[in-house]
């Protein structure tokens, strides 16, 4: 599933570059914004800082525009990710930017479960195995195997599709 997010992101990123005079999509800053919002359980994207980026993401059906009202009855609009997996894709980039700290910090946090599964499929195999070992060790201590079982399955699948040495 991460491959679908990656493909969609590459297409969106190319379109962003065409529209914005060759400038790259600010992945790192946007991912950090998504991470900070997730920590606060805020589903809305930071349209004040990333309005143009979000508009390109809307074109690629990565985000949706929601309309509502505030407490005074004034019309509001905000943008959210269309799918959790799209949010997890950007969260994965935030984790990779601060891998030493974030990867271990959120092992108990179910909001980041999808990120760990994506990391298990995206990291180089040795790094993915190290991640798996940390998650399995944590599961043994916490007695919660929900995440570790999923990550082990991802690595089994990766092992099964990798070419075997002759």
Foldseek 3Di string as FASTA:
>chain_A
DLVVLVVLVVVLQVVLCVVPVNDGDPLQVQLVQLVVCVVVVHQFGDCVVQVVSVVSCVVSQQKDKDWDADPVRDIDITIGGPDLLNSLSSPLSNCVVVVVPPLLVCLVPPSNLSNLLVCLQPPPPVVSVVSLVSSVVVCVVVVDCPSSVSSVVSSVVVVVPDDDDD
